[in-house]
Amino acid sequence: VTDFDCVFVNIMGYGIGDWAGNKANIEANPGCGYIGAISDFVDFKIGGTATVEVPFGLARIVQVLGVRSTTGCTTKMDTSIAPSVITYSGIFEMGRTVTDILADKEITVNNAYSISTARDFRCLLGNPPEGVDTVAPVIGGVITSVVSANSTQLSWPAANDNGASAANLEYKVVRGTALTDINTVAKAEIATFVSDWTAWRGTLNFAGE
């Protein structure tokens, strides 16, 4: 890949924007909600090490972004304002992976960049950047359950999304002793894990009541 002047790492997930000090910027510029904890720029031609710290947590999105910059690659992106067209002539995702980070770990992100399909991830003065999905999926209907002495079967209709087919949507299942244990995203993040992100399969069977 020779299209970029520099690259950086962006790690997203519940609570990271606030932890990294980007909460105010995210609230003021909703289209920039993809900014989490970021590394310094690394000059693409020279190479180097990109270092970024994040709090431990589940389902962390690790994203590698390539930057076309008119001012070089000497510093970190200014997250107090939306990246401008003047400073950055393009910010493109090179690859991403989703992983739980519960200890120091090595993460591999494969290069998936293609100039023919690449989308620009800049925040254009607070407007949603091209390629960033800002509309949540719509649930398909009610979840039903069949509980036996030593197992549970869950069934639910597939969700719908304006930017992805039902076949490309994934679901993660958690459990709690009461509805109030899992009725928010924050609570679900730390709830008991049942099934990791996977494509819809209509039903899910697992041991336990």
N, C-alpha and C. Protein backbone atom coordinates (compact mmCIF):
# COMPACT_ATOMS: atom_id res chain seq x y z
N VAL A 1 0.86 -1.19 0.00
CA VAL A 1 0.00 0.00 0.00
C VAL A 1 0.89 1.24 0.00
N THR A 2 0.77 2.05 -1.03
CA THR A 2 1.60 3.26 -1.13
C THR A 2 0.76 4.53 -1.20
N ASP A 3 -0.52 4.42 -0.87
CA ASP A 3 -1.44 5.54 -1.02
C ASP A 3 -1.37 6.53 0.14
N PHE A 4 -0.64 6.22 1.22
CA PHE A 4 -0.74 7.02 2.43
C PHE A 4 0.59 7.66 2.83
N ASP A 5 0.46 8.77 3.57
CA ASP A 5 1.63 9.44 4.12
C ASP A 5 1.96 8.91 5.51
N CYS A 6 0.92 8.55 6.26
CA CYS A 6 1.13 8.04 7.60
C CYS A 6 -0.03 7.13 8.00
N VAL A 7 0.16 6.39 9.08
CA VAL A 7 -0.88 5.50 9.60
C VAL A 7 -0.99 5.73 11.10
N PHE A 8 -2.15 5.36 11.67
CA PHE A 8 -2.29 5.37 13.12
C PHE A 8 -3.30 4.31 13.53
N VAL A 9 -3.31 4.00 14.82
CA VAL A 9 -4.22 2.99 15.36
C VAL A 9 -5.30 3.69 16.16
N ASN A 10 -6.54 3.24 15.97
CA ASN A 10 -7.69 3.77 16.69
C ASN A 10 -8.38 2.59 17.36
N ILE A 11 -8.57 2.65 18.68
CA ILE A 11 -9.24 1.57 19.41
C ILE A 11 -10.52 2.11 20.00
N MET A 12 -11.63 1.44 19.67
CA MET A 12 -12.96 1.88 20.08
C MET A 12 -13.62 0.83 20.97
N GLY A 13 -14.64 1.24 21.68
CA GLY A 13 -15.39 0.33 22.54
C GLY A 13 -16.04 1.11 23.66
N TYR A 14 -16.89 0.44 24.42
CA TYR A 14 -17.65 1.12 25.47
C TYR A 14 -16.71 1.82 26.46
N GLY A 15 -16.93 3.11 26.67
CA GLY A 15 -16.20 3.88 27.66
C GLY A 15 -14.87 4.43 27.22
N ILE A 16 -14.36 4.01 26.04
CA ILE A 16 -13.03 4.44 25.64
C ILE A 16 -12.99 5.92 25.26
N GLY A 17 -14.02 6.40 24.55
CA GLY A 17 -14.05 7.81 24.17
C GLY A 17 -13.97 8.73 25.37
N ASP A 18 -14.69 8.38 26.44
CA ASP A 18 -14.67 9.18 27.67
C ASP A 18 -13.31 9.06 28.34
N TRP A 19 -12.79 7.83 28.42
CA TRP A 19 -11.50 7.59 29.06
C TRP A 19 -10.38 8.34 28.35
N ALA A 20 -10.44 8.40 27.02
CA ALA A 20 -9.39 9.05 26.24
C ALA A 20 -9.56 10.56 26.16
N GLY A 21 -10.64 11.10 26.75
CA GLY A 21 -10.85 12.54 26.74
C GLY A 21 -11.52 13.06 25.49
N ASN A 22 -12.16 12.16 24.72
CA ASN A 22 -12.80 12.58 23.47
C ASN A 22 -14.31 12.70 23.59
N LYS A 23 -14.85 12.54 24.79
CA LYS A 23 -16.30 12.52 24.94
C LYS A 23 -16.94 13.82 24.46
N ALA A 24 -16.36 14.97 24.83
CA ALA A 24 -16.95 16.26 24.45
C ALA A 24 -16.96 16.42 22.93
N ASN A 25 -15.87 16.00 22.28
CA ASN A 25 -15.79 16.09 20.83
C ASN A 25 -16.81 15.18 20.17
N ILE A 26 -16.99 13.99 20.71
CA ILE A 26 -17.95 13.04 20.15
C ILE A 26 -19.37 13.58 20.26
N GLU A 27 -19.68 14.19 21.42
CA GLU A 27 -21.02 14.74 21.62
C GLU A 27 -21.26 15.94 20.72
N ALA A 28 -20.24 16.76 20.50
CA ALA A 28 -20.40 17.95 19.66
C ALA A 28 -20.41 17.62 18.18
N ASN A 29 -19.72 16.56 17.81
CA ASN A 29 -19.63 16.14 16.40
C ASN A 29 -20.00 14.66 16.31
N PRO A 30 -21.29 14.34 16.28
CA PRO A 30 -21.71 12.94 16.31
C PRO A 30 -21.06 12.09 15.23
N GLY A 31 -20.75 12.67 14.09
CA GLY A 31 -20.12 11.91 13.02
C GLY A 31 -18.72 11.45 13.35
N CYS A 32 -18.12 12.01 14.42
CA CYS A 32 -16.76 11.64 14.80
C CYS A 32 -16.76 10.58 15.90
N GLY A 33 -17.87 9.92 16.10
CA GLY A 33 -17.98 8.95 17.18
C GLY A 33 -17.04 7.77 17.06
N TYR A 34 -16.39 7.63 15.89
CA TYR A 34 -15.45 6.52 15.72
C TYR A 34 -14.10 6.82 16.36
N ILE A 35 -13.89 8.04 16.86
CA ILE A 35 -12.62 8.37 17.50
C ILE A 35 -12.61 7.83 18.92
N GLY A 36 -11.68 6.93 19.21
CA GLY A 36 -11.55 6.38 20.55
C GLY A 36 -10.22 6.79 21.15
N ALA A 37 -9.39 5.80 21.47
CA ALA A 37 -8.02 6.06 21.90
C ALA A 37 -7.12 5.86 20.70
N ILE A 38 -6.31 6.85 20.39
CA ILE A 38 -5.52 6.78 19.17
C ILE A 38 -4.03 6.88 19.46
N SER A 39 -3.26 6.32 18.54
CA SER A 39 -1.80 6.40 18.63
C SER A 39 -1.29 7.64 17.93
N ASP A 40 0.00 7.92 18.09
CA ASP A 40 0.64 8.95 17.27
C ASP A 40 0.66 8.49 15.82
N PHE A 41 0.84 9.44 14.91
CA PHE A 41 1.05 9.09 13.52
C PHE A 41 2.39 8.37 13.36
N VAL A 42 2.42 7.42 12.46
CA VAL A 42 3.66 6.76 12.06
C VAL A 42 3.88 7.05 10.58
N ASP A 43 5.03 7.62 10.25
CA ASP A 43 5.33 7.92 8.86
C ASP A 43 5.34 6.63 8.05
N PHE A 44 4.53 6.58 7.02
CA PHE A 44 4.35 5.34 6.27
C PHE A 44 5.62 4.94 5.52
N LYS A 45 6.38 5.92 5.07
CA LYS A 45 7.57 5.62 4.27
C LYS A 45 8.75 5.21 5.15
N ILE A 46 8.83 5.80 6.35
CA ILE A 46 9.95 5.51 7.26
C ILE A 46 9.65 4.30 8.14
N GLY A 47 8.38 4.19 8.58
CA GLY A 47 8.01 3.12 9.50
C GLY A 47 8.21 3.53 10.94
N GLY A 48 7.84 2.66 11.86
CA GLY A 48 7.96 2.98 13.28
C GLY A 48 6.98 2.16 14.09
N THR A 49 6.82 2.54 15.36
CA THR A 49 5.94 1.83 16.28
C THR A 49 4.79 2.72 16.70
N ALA A 50 3.57 2.21 16.59
CA ALA A 50 2.39 2.93 17.05
C ALA A 50 1.98 2.37 18.41
N THR A 51 1.96 3.23 19.43
CA THR A 51 1.63 2.80 20.79
C THR A 51 0.34 3.46 21.24
N VAL A 52 -0.57 2.67 21.80
CA VAL A 52 -1.83 3.21 22.31
C VAL A 52 -2.25 2.41 23.53
N GLU A 53 -2.71 3.10 24.57
CA GLU A 53 -3.19 2.44 25.78
C GLU A 53 -4.69 2.59 25.88
N VAL A 54 -5.35 1.53 26.34
CA VAL A 54 -6.80 1.55 26.52
C VAL A 54 -7.15 0.80 27.81
N PRO A 55 -8.30 1.10 28.41
CA PRO A 55 -8.73 0.31 29.56
C PRO A 55 -9.17 -1.08 29.10
N PHE A 56 -9.00 -2.07 29.96
CA PHE A 56 -9.44 -3.41 29.63
C PHE A 56 -10.95 -3.42 29.41
N GLY A 57 -11.42 -4.31 28.54
CA GLY A 57 -12.85 -4.40 28.29
C GLY A 57 -13.14 -5.40 27.19
N LEU A 58 -14.43 -5.63 26.97
CA LEU A 58 -14.88 -6.59 25.96
C LEU A 58 -15.15 -5.89 24.63
N ALA A 59 -15.08 -6.67 23.58
CA ALA A 59 -15.44 -6.23 22.22
C ALA A 59 -14.77 -4.91 21.84
N ARG A 60 -13.47 -4.85 22.00
CA ARG A 60 -12.71 -3.68 21.58
C ARG A 60 -12.47 -3.75 20.07
N ILE A 61 -12.75 -2.66 19.37
CA ILE A 61 -12.53 -2.60 17.92
C ILE A 61 -11.17 -1.96 17.68
N VAL A 62 -10.26 -2.72 17.12
CA VAL A 62 -8.91 -2.23 16.82
C VAL A 62 -8.85 -1.93 15.33
N GLN A 63 -8.64 -0.67 15.01
CA GLN A 63 -8.72 -0.19 13.64
C GLN A 63 -7.39 0.46 13.24
N VAL A 64 -6.88 0.09 12.08
CA VAL A 64 -5.68 0.72 11.53
C VAL A 64 -6.12 1.61 10.37
N LEU A 65 -5.73 2.89 10.43
CA LEU A 65 -6.16 3.87 9.44
C LEU A 65 -4.97 4.47 8.71
N GLY A 66 -5.12 4.60 7.41
CA GLY A 66 -4.11 5.27 6.60
C GLY A 66 -4.52 6.71 6.33
N VAL A 67 -3.55 7.63 6.37
CA VAL A 67 -3.84 9.06 6.28
C VAL A 67 -3.09 9.68 5.10
N ARG A 68 -3.81 10.48 4.33
CA ARG A 68 -3.18 11.36 3.36
C ARG A 68 -3.16 12.75 3.98
N SER A 69 -1.99 13.28 4.21
CA SER A 69 -1.86 14.54 4.95
C SER A 69 -1.04 15.55 4.17
N THR A 70 -1.52 16.78 4.17
CA THR A 70 -0.80 17.86 3.50
C THR A 70 0.25 18.50 4.41
N THR A 71 0.25 18.12 5.69
CA THR A 71 1.17 18.74 6.65
C THR A 71 2.18 17.76 7.22
N GLY A 72 2.25 16.55 6.68
CA GLY A 72 3.20 15.58 7.17
C GLY A 72 2.67 14.75 8.31
N CYS A 73 3.56 13.98 8.93
CA CYS A 73 3.15 12.99 9.94
C CYS A 73 3.96 13.16 11.22
N THR A 74 4.05 14.37 11.71
CA THR A 74 4.92 14.64 12.85
C THR A 74 4.22 14.57 14.19
N THR A 75 2.91 14.44 14.22
CA THR A 75 2.21 14.51 15.50
C THR A 75 0.96 13.65 15.47
N LYS A 76 0.23 13.68 16.56
CA LYS A 76 -1.01 12.93 16.68
C LYS A 76 -2.18 13.77 16.16
N MET A 77 -3.22 13.11 15.71
CA MET A 77 -4.41 13.82 15.26
C MET A 77 -5.00 14.67 16.38
N ASP A 78 -5.40 15.88 16.07
CA ASP A 78 -6.06 16.76 17.03
C ASP A 78 -7.51 16.34 17.13
N THR A 79 -7.90 15.71 18.24
CA THR A 79 -9.27 15.23 18.41
C THR A 79 -10.18 16.26 19.04
N SER A 80 -9.67 17.47 19.29
CA SER A 80 -10.53 18.51 19.86
C SER A 80 -11.44 19.12 18.80
N ILE A 81 -11.10 18.90 17.53
CA ILE A 81 -11.93 19.38 16.42
C ILE A 81 -12.07 18.25 15.41
N ALA A 82 -13.05 18.38 14.54
CA ALA A 82 -13.20 17.37 13.49
C ALA A 82 -12.06 17.49 12.50
N PRO A 83 -11.48 16.34 12.10
CA PRO A 83 -10.41 16.40 11.09
C PRO A 83 -10.88 17.16 9.85
N SER A 84 -10.08 18.11 9.39
CA SER A 84 -10.53 18.98 8.30
C SER A 84 -10.03 18.50 6.95
N VAL A 85 -10.71 18.95 5.92
CA VAL A 85 -10.30 18.62 4.57
C VAL A 85 -8.94 19.21 4.27
N ILE A 86 -8.64 20.38 4.85
CA ILE A 86 -7.38 21.06 4.57
C ILE A 86 -6.19 20.27 5.12
N THR A 87 -6.29 19.79 6.36
CA THR A 87 -5.19 19.08 7.00
C THR A 87 -5.05 17.66 6.47
N TYR A 88 -6.18 16.95 6.37
CA TYR A 88 -6.17 15.56 5.94
C TYR A 88 -6.97 15.42 4.65
N SER A 89 -6.29 15.06 3.59
CA SER A 89 -6.99 14.91 2.32
C SER A 89 -7.66 13.55 2.20
N GLY A 90 -7.46 12.70 3.20
CA GLY A 90 -8.13 11.41 3.20
C GLY A 90 -7.72 10.58 4.40
N ILE A 91 -8.68 9.89 5.02
CA ILE A 91 -8.41 8.94 6.11
C ILE A 91 -9.18 7.67 5.77
N PHE A 92 -8.45 6.58 5.55
CA PHE A 92 -9.08 5.36 5.08
C PHE A 92 -8.74 4.18 6.00
N GLU A 93 -9.72 3.34 6.23
CA GLU A 93 -9.49 2.15 7.05
C GLU A 93 -8.67 1.15 6.25
N MET A 94 -7.57 0.69 6.84
CA MET A 94 -6.74 -0.33 6.22
C MET A 94 -7.13 -1.73 6.71
N GLY A 95 -7.67 -1.79 7.92
CA GLY A 95 -8.09 -3.08 8.47
C GLY A 95 -8.60 -2.90 9.88
N ARG A 96 -9.34 -3.89 10.36
CA ARG A 96 -9.85 -3.85 11.73
C ARG A 96 -10.07 -5.26 12.24
N THR A 97 -10.11 -5.39 13.56
CA THR A 97 -10.49 -6.65 14.18
C THR A 97 -11.20 -6.31 15.48
N VAL A 98 -12.03 -7.22 15.97
CA VAL A 98 -12.75 -7.05 17.23
C VAL A 98 -12.26 -8.11 18.21
N THR A 99 -11.86 -7.68 19.40
CA THR A 99 -11.31 -8.63 20.36
C THR A 99 -11.56 -8.14 21.78
N ASP A 100 -11.66 -9.07 22.71
CA ASP A 100 -11.72 -8.72 24.13
C ASP A 100 -10.30 -8.44 24.60
N ILE A 101 -10.10 -7.32 25.29
CA ILE A 101 -8.78 -6.97 25.83
C ILE A 101 -8.89 -6.98 27.35
N LEU A 102 -8.46 -8.07 27.94
CA LEU A 102 -8.55 -8.25 29.39
C LEU A 102 -7.17 -8.35 30.04
N ALA A 103 -6.13 -8.24 29.22
CA ALA A 103 -4.74 -8.25 29.68
C ALA A 103 -3.89 -7.76 28.52
N ASP A 104 -2.61 -7.49 28.77
CA ASP A 104 -1.73 -7.12 27.68
C ASP A 104 -1.71 -8.25 26.66
N LYS A 105 -1.85 -7.93 25.39
CA LYS A 105 -1.91 -8.99 24.39
C LYS A 105 -1.42 -8.48 23.05
N GLU A 106 -1.02 -9.42 22.20
CA GLU A 106 -0.62 -9.11 20.84
C GLU A 106 -1.82 -9.30 19.93
N ILE A 107 -2.10 -8.30 19.08
CA ILE A 107 -3.27 -8.33 18.20
C ILE A 107 -2.81 -8.17 16.76
N THR A 108 -3.32 -9.02 15.90
CA THR A 108 -2.99 -8.94 14.48
C THR A 108 -4.17 -8.34 13.72
N VAL A 109 -3.90 -7.32 12.92
CA VAL A 109 -4.92 -6.70 12.07
C VAL A 109 -4.46 -6.87 10.63
N ASN A 110 -5.21 -7.64 9.87
CA ASN A 110 -4.84 -7.88 8.47
C ASN A 110 -5.19 -6.69 7.59
N ASN A 111 -4.37 -6.44 6.59
CA ASN A 111 -4.61 -5.34 5.67
C ASN A 111 -5.74 -5.72 4.70
N ALA A 112 -6.84 -4.97 4.75
CA ALA A 112 -7.98 -5.22 3.86
C ALA A 112 -8.24 -4.05 2.93
N TYR A 113 -7.27 -3.13 2.85
CA TYR A 113 -7.47 -1.92 2.04
C TYR A 113 -7.47 -2.24 0.55
N SER A 114 -8.43 -1.66 -0.15
CA SER A 114 -8.49 -1.76 -1.60
C SER A 114 -8.88 -0.39 -2.13
N ILE A 115 -8.08 0.16 -3.02
CA ILE A 115 -8.34 1.50 -3.53
C ILE A 115 -9.69 1.58 -4.26
N SER A 116 -10.15 0.46 -4.79
CA SER A 116 -11.40 0.47 -5.55
C SER A 116 -12.63 0.52 -4.66
N THR A 117 -12.50 0.09 -3.40
CA THR A 117 -13.67 0.05 -2.50
C THR A 117 -13.48 0.90 -1.26
N ALA A 118 -12.35 1.60 -1.13
CA ALA A 118 -12.05 2.36 0.08
C ALA A 118 -13.05 3.49 0.30
N ARG A 119 -13.38 3.75 1.58
CA ARG A 119 -14.26 4.85 1.94
C ARG A 119 -13.53 5.79 2.87
N ASP A 120 -13.80 7.08 2.69
CA ASP A 120 -13.12 8.12 3.46
C ASP A 120 -13.76 8.22 4.84
N PHE A 121 -12.95 8.13 5.89
CA PHE A 121 -13.45 8.16 7.26
C PHE A 121 -13.27 9.51 7.94
N ARG A 122 -13.04 10.56 7.18
CA ARG A 122 -12.91 11.87 7.81
C ARG A 122 -14.25 12.34 8.38
N CYS A 123 -14.17 13.14 9.45
CA CYS A 123 -15.34 13.87 9.93
C CYS A 123 -15.34 15.21 9.22
N LEU A 124 -16.30 15.45 8.38
CA LEU A 124 -16.33 16.68 7.62
C LEU A 124 -17.14 17.74 8.37
N LEU A 125 -16.44 18.47 9.24
CA LEU A 125 -17.06 19.56 10.01
C LEU A 125 -18.29 19.10 10.78
N GLY A 126 -18.21 17.93 11.37
CA GLY A 126 -19.28 17.44 12.22
C GLY A 126 -20.32 16.61 11.50
N ASN A 127 -20.28 16.55 10.16
CA ASN A 127 -21.24 15.71 9.45
C ASN A 127 -20.77 14.27 9.48
N PRO A 128 -21.69 13.30 9.46
CA PRO A 128 -21.28 11.90 9.49
C PRO A 128 -20.33 11.59 8.34
N PRO A 129 -19.15 11.03 8.63
CA PRO A 129 -18.20 10.74 7.56
C PRO A 129 -18.71 9.64 6.66
N GLU A 130 -18.32 9.70 5.41
CA GLU A 130 -18.74 8.68 4.46
C GLU A 130 -18.30 7.31 4.94
N GLY A 131 -19.21 6.36 4.90
CA GLY A 131 -18.88 5.00 5.27
C GLY A 131 -19.11 4.67 6.73
N VAL A 132 -19.41 5.66 7.59
CA VAL A 132 -19.68 5.39 8.99
C VAL A 132 -21.18 5.25 9.19
N ASP A 133 -21.60 4.10 9.66
CA ASP A 133 -23.02 3.80 9.86
C ASP A 133 -23.48 4.41 11.17
N THR A 134 -24.37 5.40 11.11
CA THR A 134 -24.86 6.07 12.32
C THR A 134 -26.26 5.65 12.70
N VAL A 135 -26.86 4.68 11.96
CA VAL A 135 -28.22 4.22 12.25
C VAL A 135 -28.15 2.80 12.80
N ALA A 136 -28.67 2.60 14.00
CA ALA A 136 -28.61 1.29 14.64
C ALA A 136 -29.55 0.30 13.95
N PRO A 137 -29.22 -1.00 13.99
CA PRO A 137 -30.15 -2.01 13.46
C PRO A 137 -31.46 -2.01 14.24
N VAL A 138 -32.51 -2.51 13.61
CA VAL A 138 -33.83 -2.60 14.24
C VAL A 138 -34.08 -4.06 14.61
N ILE A 139 -34.45 -4.31 15.85
CA ILE A 139 -34.68 -5.69 16.28
C ILE A 139 -35.81 -6.31 15.47
N GLY A 140 -35.70 -7.61 15.24
CA GLY A 140 -36.68 -8.30 14.40
C GLY A 140 -37.96 -8.66 15.12
N GLY A 141 -37.94 -8.71 16.43
CA GLY A 141 -39.14 -9.08 17.18
C GLY A 141 -38.78 -9.58 18.56
N VAL A 142 -39.73 -10.26 19.17
CA VAL A 142 -39.60 -10.70 20.56
C VAL A 142 -38.72 -11.94 20.67
N ILE A 143 -37.87 -11.98 21.70
CA ILE A 143 -37.07 -13.17 22.00
C ILE A 143 -37.93 -14.13 22.81
N THR A 144 -38.00 -15.37 22.39
CA THR A 144 -38.75 -16.39 23.13
C THR A 144 -37.78 -17.41 23.69
N SER A 145 -38.18 -18.07 24.78
CA SER A 145 -37.30 -19.04 25.42
C SER A 145 -38.07 -20.30 25.80
N VAL A 146 -37.37 -21.41 25.75
CA VAL A 146 -37.88 -22.69 26.24
C VAL A 146 -36.88 -23.20 27.27
N VAL A 147 -37.32 -23.30 28.52
CA VAL A 147 -36.42 -23.64 29.62
C VAL A 147 -36.75 -25.04 30.11
N SER A 148 -35.71 -25.89 30.20
CA SER A 148 -35.86 -27.23 30.75
C SER A 148 -35.07 -27.32 32.04
N ALA A 149 -34.93 -28.51 32.57
CA ALA A 149 -34.26 -28.69 33.86
C ALA A 149 -32.79 -28.30 33.81
N ASN A 150 -32.15 -28.50 32.65
CA ASN A 150 -30.71 -28.23 32.60
C ASN A 150 -30.25 -27.49 31.35
N SER A 151 -31.19 -26.91 30.61
CA SER A 151 -30.79 -26.17 29.42
C SER A 151 -31.84 -25.13 29.06
N THR A 152 -31.44 -24.20 28.19
CA THR A 152 -32.34 -23.15 27.72
C THR A 152 -32.17 -23.00 26.21
N GLN A 153 -33.30 -22.81 25.52
CA GLN A 153 -33.27 -22.55 24.09
C GLN A 153 -33.87 -21.16 23.84
N LEU A 154 -33.10 -20.31 23.18
CA LEU A 154 -33.58 -18.98 22.82
C LEU A 154 -33.86 -18.94 21.32
N SER A 155 -34.91 -18.22 20.95
CA SER A 155 -35.24 -18.02 19.53
C SER A 155 -35.59 -16.56 19.31
N TRP A 156 -35.18 -16.02 18.18
CA TRP A 156 -35.53 -14.63 17.86
C TRP A 156 -35.46 -14.42 16.35
N PRO A 157 -36.32 -13.55 15.81
CA PRO A 157 -36.26 -13.24 14.38
C PRO A 157 -35.07 -12.35 14.08
N ALA A 158 -34.57 -12.43 12.86
CA ALA A 158 -33.41 -11.65 12.46
C ALA A 158 -33.71 -10.16 12.50
N ALA A 159 -32.70 -9.37 12.85
CA ALA A 159 -32.84 -7.92 12.85
C ALA A 159 -32.71 -7.37 11.43
N ASN A 160 -33.03 -6.09 11.28
CA ASN A 160 -32.92 -5.40 10.00
C ASN A 160 -32.00 -4.20 10.14
N ASP A 161 -31.27 -3.88 9.07
CA ASP A 161 -30.36 -2.75 9.11
C ASP A 161 -30.38 -2.04 7.76
N ASN A 162 -30.24 -0.71 7.81
CA ASN A 162 -30.30 0.06 6.57
C ASN A 162 -29.04 -0.05 5.73
N GLY A 163 -27.94 -0.53 6.34
CA GLY A 163 -26.68 -0.56 5.61
C GLY A 163 -26.07 -1.94 5.47
N ALA A 164 -26.74 -2.97 5.98
CA ALA A 164 -26.19 -4.33 5.91
C ALA A 164 -27.32 -5.32 5.77
N SER A 165 -27.05 -6.41 5.08
CA SER A 165 -28.05 -7.46 4.94
C SER A 165 -28.17 -8.23 6.24
N ALA A 166 -29.29 -8.92 6.42
CA ALA A 166 -29.50 -9.71 7.63
C ALA A 166 -28.39 -10.75 7.80
N ALA A 167 -27.87 -11.27 6.69
CA ALA A 167 -26.83 -12.29 6.76
C ALA A 167 -25.52 -11.75 7.30
N ASN A 168 -25.32 -10.43 7.23
CA ASN A 168 -24.07 -9.82 7.69
C ASN A 168 -24.16 -9.26 9.11
N LEU A 169 -25.34 -9.33 9.72
CA LEU A 169 -25.49 -8.87 11.10
C LEU A 169 -25.06 -9.98 12.06
N GLU A 170 -24.44 -9.59 13.17
CA GLU A 170 -23.99 -10.57 14.16
C GLU A 170 -24.62 -10.26 15.52
N TYR A 171 -24.69 -11.30 16.36
CA TYR A 171 -25.37 -11.20 17.65
C TYR A 171 -24.47 -11.77 18.74
N LYS A 172 -24.53 -11.11 19.89
CA LYS A 172 -23.81 -11.59 21.06
C LYS A 172 -24.83 -11.78 22.18
N VAL A 173 -24.74 -12.88 22.90
CA VAL A 173 -25.74 -13.20 23.93
C VAL A 173 -25.08 -13.21 25.30
N VAL A 174 -25.69 -12.49 26.24
CA VAL A 174 -25.24 -12.48 27.63
C VAL A 174 -26.43 -12.82 28.52
N ARG A 175 -26.17 -13.09 29.78
CA ARG A 175 -27.25 -13.44 30.69
C ARG A 175 -27.07 -12.73 32.03
N GLY A 176 -28.18 -12.60 32.76
CA GLY A 176 -28.16 -12.01 34.09
C GLY A 176 -29.21 -12.69 34.95
N THR A 177 -29.14 -12.48 36.24
CA THR A 177 -30.12 -13.08 37.15
C THR A 177 -31.44 -12.32 37.14
N ALA A 178 -31.42 -11.08 36.60
CA ALA A 178 -32.63 -10.27 36.48
C ALA A 178 -32.51 -9.39 35.25
N LEU A 179 -33.64 -8.93 34.72
CA LEU A 179 -33.62 -8.08 33.54
C LEU A 179 -32.80 -6.82 33.77
N THR A 180 -32.84 -6.30 34.98
CA THR A 180 -32.10 -5.08 35.27
C THR A 180 -30.58 -5.28 35.23
N ASP A 181 -30.14 -6.55 35.16
CA ASP A 181 -28.71 -6.82 35.06
C ASP A 181 -28.17 -6.57 33.65
N ILE A 182 -29.07 -6.58 32.64
CA ILE A 182 -28.62 -6.51 31.25
C ILE A 182 -29.45 -5.54 30.41
N ASN A 183 -30.12 -4.58 31.04
CA ASN A 183 -31.03 -3.70 30.29
C ASN A 183 -30.37 -2.44 29.74
N THR A 184 -29.04 -2.35 29.83
CA THR A 184 -28.30 -1.28 29.19
C THR A 184 -27.04 -1.87 28.56
N VAL A 185 -26.47 -1.13 27.61
CA VAL A 185 -25.24 -1.59 26.96
C VAL A 185 -24.12 -1.74 27.98
N ALA A 186 -24.01 -0.76 28.89
CA ALA A 186 -22.96 -0.80 29.90
C ALA A 186 -23.05 -2.06 30.76
N LYS A 187 -24.26 -2.42 31.16
CA LYS A 187 -24.44 -3.62 31.99
C LYS A 187 -24.19 -4.89 31.18
N ALA A 188 -24.62 -4.87 29.92
CA ALA A 188 -24.42 -6.06 29.08
C ALA A 188 -22.94 -6.30 28.83
N GLU A 189 -22.13 -5.24 28.79
CA GLU A 189 -20.70 -5.38 28.55
C GLU A 189 -20.02 -6.23 29.63
N ILE A 190 -20.53 -6.17 30.86
CA ILE A 190 -19.88 -6.88 31.97
C ILE A 190 -20.72 -8.04 32.47
N ALA A 191 -21.81 -8.38 31.76
CA ALA A 191 -22.68 -9.48 32.16
C ALA A 191 -22.04 -10.82 31.83
N THR A 192 -22.64 -11.90 32.35
CA THR A 192 -22.13 -13.24 32.10
C THR A 192 -22.24 -13.59 30.62
N PHE A 193 -21.14 -14.04 30.07
CA PHE A 193 -21.04 -14.33 28.63
C PHE A 193 -21.69 -15.68 28.32
N VAL A 194 -22.52 -15.73 27.24
CA VAL A 194 -23.14 -16.96 26.78
C VAL A 194 -22.63 -17.36 25.39
N SER A 195 -22.69 -16.42 24.45
CA SER A 195 -22.27 -16.70 23.07
C SER A 195 -21.63 -15.47 22.47
N ASP A 196 -20.47 -15.64 21.83
CA ASP A 196 -19.76 -14.51 21.22
C ASP A 196 -20.46 -14.07 19.94
N TRP A 197 -19.98 -12.95 19.37
CA TRP A 197 -20.57 -12.42 18.15
C TRP A 197 -20.59 -13.48 17.06
N THR A 198 -21.76 -13.74 16.50
CA THR A 198 -21.90 -14.73 15.44
C THR A 198 -23.11 -14.39 14.58
N ALA A 199 -23.15 -14.91 13.37
CA ALA A 199 -24.28 -14.65 12.48
C ALA A 199 -25.57 -15.24 13.05
N TRP A 200 -26.69 -14.68 12.64
CA TRP A 200 -28.00 -15.14 13.12
C TRP A 200 -28.23 -16.59 12.73
N ARG A 201 -28.75 -17.38 13.67
CA ARG A 201 -29.02 -18.78 13.40
C ARG A 201 -30.41 -19.21 13.84
N GLY A 202 -31.24 -18.26 14.23
CA GLY A 202 -32.63 -18.57 14.57
C GLY A 202 -32.82 -19.00 16.01
N THR A 203 -32.01 -19.97 16.45
CA THR A 203 -32.11 -20.46 17.82
C THR A 203 -30.72 -20.62 18.42
N LEU A 204 -30.67 -20.61 19.74
CA LEU A 204 -29.42 -20.82 20.47
C LEU A 204 -29.72 -21.70 21.67
N ASN A 205 -29.00 -22.79 21.80
CA ASN A 205 -29.15 -23.69 22.94
C ASN A 205 -27.92 -23.59 23.82
N PHE A 206 -28.13 -23.51 25.13
CA PHE A 206 -27.00 -23.51 26.05
C PHE A 206 -27.40 -24.15 27.36
N ALA A 207 -26.42 -24.68 28.06
CA ALA A 207 -26.67 -25.38 29.31
C ALA A 207 -27.00 -24.39 30.41
N GLY A 208 -27.84 -24.80 31.34
CA GLY A 208 -28.22 -23.97 32.46
C GLY A 208 -29.59 -23.36 32.29
N GLU A 209 -30.22 -23.04 33.41
CA GLU A 209 -31.56 -22.45 33.35
C GLU A 209 -31.46 -20.93 33.23
